[in-house]
Amino acid sequence: MSSSSIAANAYATAARLFSPAAGASRAAGQGGGFGEMLRSAVQNLDQTARTTDQRSQAMAAGRADLIDVVTAVAETEVAIESLVAVRDKVVQSYEEIMRMQI
């Protein structure tokens, strides 16, 4: 597997996590909104991290390919970076609101 396909998989995971269409359909259909989207992203990150752990353990046991482990780690890294970016924006927005004069 080439590095371009690894990057494509990682970006596809990030797009799936934070696609506006998915968030809008969830908000319209279930009334979830931002909190539901964030909960879903954290659950997806948890599942991605568990998959990475399983692939790492399988590689240590000699049952997995190095490329699979590297791909899983890259996908987890993108998911973590995406959640950190969202967290930073939420904190920045909160600070902006607190600076507003009423």
C-alpha atoms as a PDB file:
ATOM      1  CA  MET A   1       0.000   0.000   0.000  1.00  0.00           C
ATOM      2  CA  SER A   2       1.469   3.345  -0.999  1.00  0.00           C
ATOM      3  CA  SER A   3       1.696   6.435   1.159  1.00  0.00           C
ATOM      4  CA  SER A   4      -0.864   8.182  -1.036  1.00  0.00           C
ATOM      5  CA  SER A   5      -3.476   5.521  -0.273  1.00  0.00           C
ATOM      6  CA  ILE A   6      -2.638   5.747   3.435  1.00  0.00           C
ATOM      7  CA  ALA A   7      -3.207   9.498   3.298  1.00  0.00           C
ATOM      8  CA  ALA A   8      -6.415   9.020   1.330  1.00  0.00           C
ATOM      9  CA  ASN A   9      -7.747   6.604   3.961  1.00  0.00           C
ATOM     10  CA  ALA A  10      -6.823   8.984   6.767  1.00  0.00           C
ATOM     11  CA  TYR A  11      -8.514  11.937   5.050  1.00  0.00           C
ATOM     12  CA  ALA A  12     -11.594   9.846   4.316  1.00  0.00           C
ATOM     13  CA  THR A  13     -11.832   9.002   8.011  1.00  0.00           C
ATOM     14  CA  ALA A  14     -11.542  12.671   8.954  1.00  0.00           C
ATOM     15  CA  ALA A  15     -14.163  13.639   6.391  1.00  0.00           C
ATOM     16  CA  ARG A  16     -16.510  10.971   7.728  1.00  0.00           C
ATOM     17  CA  LEU A  17     -16.029  12.258  11.265  1.00  0.00           C
ATOM     18  CA  PHE A  18     -16.864  15.879  10.572  1.00  0.00           C
ATOM     19  CA  SER A  19     -18.910  16.043   7.393  1.00  0.00           C
ATOM     20  CA  PRO A  20     -21.507  18.833   7.621  1.00  0.00           C
ATOM     21  CA  ALA A  21     -24.079  16.722   5.772  1.00  0.00           C
ATOM     22  CA  ALA A  22     -23.877  13.967   8.382  1.00  0.00           C
ATOM     23  CA  GLY A  23     -24.198  16.480  11.200  1.00  0.00           C
ATOM     24  CA  ALA A  24     -27.132  18.232   9.523  1.00  0.00           C
ATOM     25  CA  SER A  25     -29.001  14.990   8.880  1.00  0.00           C
ATOM     26  CA  ARG A  26     -28.476  13.917  12.472  1.00  0.00           C
ATOM     27  CA  ALA A  27     -29.655  17.287  13.751  1.00  0.00           C
ATOM     28  CA  ALA A  28     -32.743  17.272  11.527  1.00  0.00           C
ATOM     29  CA  GLY A  29     -33.632  13.633  12.021  1.00  0.00           C
ATOM     30  CA  GLN A  30     -32.892  13.080  15.692  1.00  0.00           C
ATOM     31  CA  GLY A  31     -32.596  16.548  17.173  1.00  0.00           C
ATOM     32  CA  GLY A  32     -29.001  15.782  18.228  1.00  0.00           C
ATOM     33  CA  GLY A  33     -27.091  18.813  17.023  1.00  0.00           C
ATOM     34  CA  PHE A  34     -23.515  19.572  17.942  1.00  0.00           C
ATOM     35  CA  GLY A  35     -23.453  17.440  21.091  1.00  0.00           C
ATOM     36  CA  GLU A  36     -24.584  14.355  19.215  1.00  0.00           C
ATOM     37  CA  MET A  37     -22.030  14.960  16.449  1.00  0.00           C
ATOM     38  CA  LEU A  38     -19.281  15.337  19.028  1.00  0.00           C
ATOM     39  CA  ARG A  39     -20.362  12.180  20.857  1.00  0.00           C
ATOM     40  CA  SER A  40     -20.342  10.277  17.578  1.00  0.00           C
ATOM     41  CA  ALA A  41     -16.860  11.583  16.720  1.00  0.00           C
ATOM     42  CA  VAL A  42     -15.497  10.521  20.110  1.00  0.00           C
ATOM     43  CA  GLN A  43     -17.048   7.074  19.743  1.00  0.00           C
ATOM     44  CA  ASN A  44     -15.558   6.774  16.260  1.00  0.00           C
ATOM     45  CA  LEU A  45     -12.158   7.810  17.626  1.00  0.00           C
ATOM     46  CA  ASP A  46     -12.466   5.191  20.357  1.00  0.00           C
ATOM     47  CA  GLN A  47     -13.266   2.498  17.799  1.00  0.00           C
ATOM     48  CA  THR A  48     -10.390   3.607  15.577  1.00  0.00           C
ATOM     49  CA  ALA A  49      -7.976   3.509  18.518  1.00  0.00           C
ATOM     50  CA  ARG A  50      -9.169   0.026  19.502  1.00  0.00           C
ATOM     51  CA  THR A  51      -8.648  -1.184  15.937  1.00  0.00           C
ATOM     52  CA  THR A  52      -5.140   0.271  15.964  1.00  0.00           C
ATOM     53  CA  ASP A  53      -4.377  -1.508  19.230  1.00  0.00           C
ATOM     54  CA  GLN A  54      -5.657  -4.815  17.857  1.00  0.00           C
ATOM     55  CA  ARG A  55      -3.589  -4.480  14.692  1.00  0.00           C
ATOM     56  CA  SER A  56      -0.487  -3.563  16.717  1.00  0.00           C
ATOM     57  CA  GLN A  57      -0.927  -6.611  18.923  1.00  0.00           C
ATOM     58  CA  ALA A  58      -1.487  -8.810  15.876  1.00  0.00           C
ATOM     59  CA  MET A  59       1.707  -7.486  14.338  1.00  0.00           C
ATOM     60  CA  ALA A  60       3.644  -8.184  17.522  1.00  0.00           C
ATOM     61  CA  ALA A  61       2.325 -11.750  17.347  1.00  0.00           C
ATOM     62  CA  GLY A  62       3.357 -11.981  13.684  1.00  0.00           C
ATOM     63  CA  ARG A  63      -0.174 -12.135  12.273  1.00  0.00           C
ATOM     64  CA  ALA A  64      -0.447  -8.681  10.682  1.00  0.00           C
ATOM     65  CA  ASP A  65       1.317  -6.652   8.037  1.00  0.00           C
ATOM     66  CA  LEU A  66       3.277  -3.511   8.929  1.00  0.00           C
ATOM     67  CA  ILE A  67       1.367  -1.476   6.346  1.00  0.00           C
ATOM     68  CA  ASP A  68      -1.943  -2.260   8.068  1.00  0.00           C
ATOM     69  CA  VAL A  69      -0.558  -1.049  11.387  1.00  0.00           C
ATOM     70  CA  VAL A  70       0.861   2.131   9.868  1.00  0.00           C
ATOM     71  CA  THR A  71      -2.447   2.846   8.143  1.00  0.00           C
ATOM     72  CA  ALA A  72      -4.395   2.338  11.368  1.00  0.00           C
ATOM     73  CA  VAL A  73      -2.011   4.608  13.277  1.00  0.00           C
ATOM     74  CA  ALA A  74      -2.329   7.305  10.597  1.00  0.00           C
ATOM     75  CA  GLU A  75      -6.129   7.129  10.714  1.00  0.00           C
ATOM     76  CA  THR A  76      -6.077   7.398  14.496  1.00  0.00           C
ATOM     77  CA  GLU A  77      -3.710  10.351  14.313  1.00  0.00           C
ATOM     78  CA  VAL A  78      -5.988  12.210  11.903  1.00  0.00           C
ATOM     79  CA  ALA A  79      -9.023  11.525  14.099  1.00  0.00           C
ATOM     80  CA  ILE A  80      -7.208  12.804  17.195  1.00  0.00           C
ATOM     81  CA  GLU A  81      -5.984  15.922  15.398  1.00  0.00           C
ATOM     82  CA  SER A  82      -9.519  16.614  14.182  1.00  0.00           C
ATOM     83  CA  LEU A  83     -10.993  16.339  17.674  1.00  0.00           C
ATOM     84  CA  VAL A  84      -8.243  18.537  19.106  1.00  0.00           C
ATOM     85  CA  ALA A  85      -8.972  21.160  16.442  1.00  0.00           C
ATOM     86  CA  VAL A  86     -12.678  21.089  17.312  1.00  0.00           C
ATOM     87  CA  ARG A  87     -11.859  21.352  21.022  1.00  0.00           C
ATOM     88  CA  ASP A  88      -9.601  24.339  20.374  1.00  0.00           C
ATOM     89  CA  LYS A  89     -12.347  26.087  18.384  1.00  0.00           C
ATOM     90  CA  VAL A  90     -14.899  25.445  21.132  1.00  0.00           C
ATOM     91  CA  VAL A  91     -12.561  26.890  23.771  1.00  0.00           C
ATOM     92  CA  GLN A  92     -11.781  29.860  21.523  1.00  0.00           C
ATOM     93  CA  SER A  93     -15.515  30.475  20.988  1.00  0.00           C
ATOM     94  CA  TYR A  94     -16.196  30.262  24.716  1.00  0.00           C
ATOM     95  CA  GLU A  95     -13.445  32.778  25.450  1.00  0.00           C
ATOM     96  CA  GLU A  96     -14.822  35.088  22.765  1.00  0.00           C
ATOM     97  CA  ILE A  97     -18.297  34.912  24.305  1.00  0.00           C
ATOM     98  CA  MET A  98     -16.901  35.621  27.771  1.00  0.00           C
ATOM     99  CA  ARG A  99     -15.172  38.775  26.450  1.00  0.00           C
ATOM    100  CA  MET A 100     -18.439  40.157  25.060  1.00  0.00           C
ATOM    101  CA  GLN A 101     -19.963  43.028  26.924  1.00  0.00           C
ATOM    102  CA  ILE A 102     -23.602  42.741  27.813  1.00  0.00           C
END
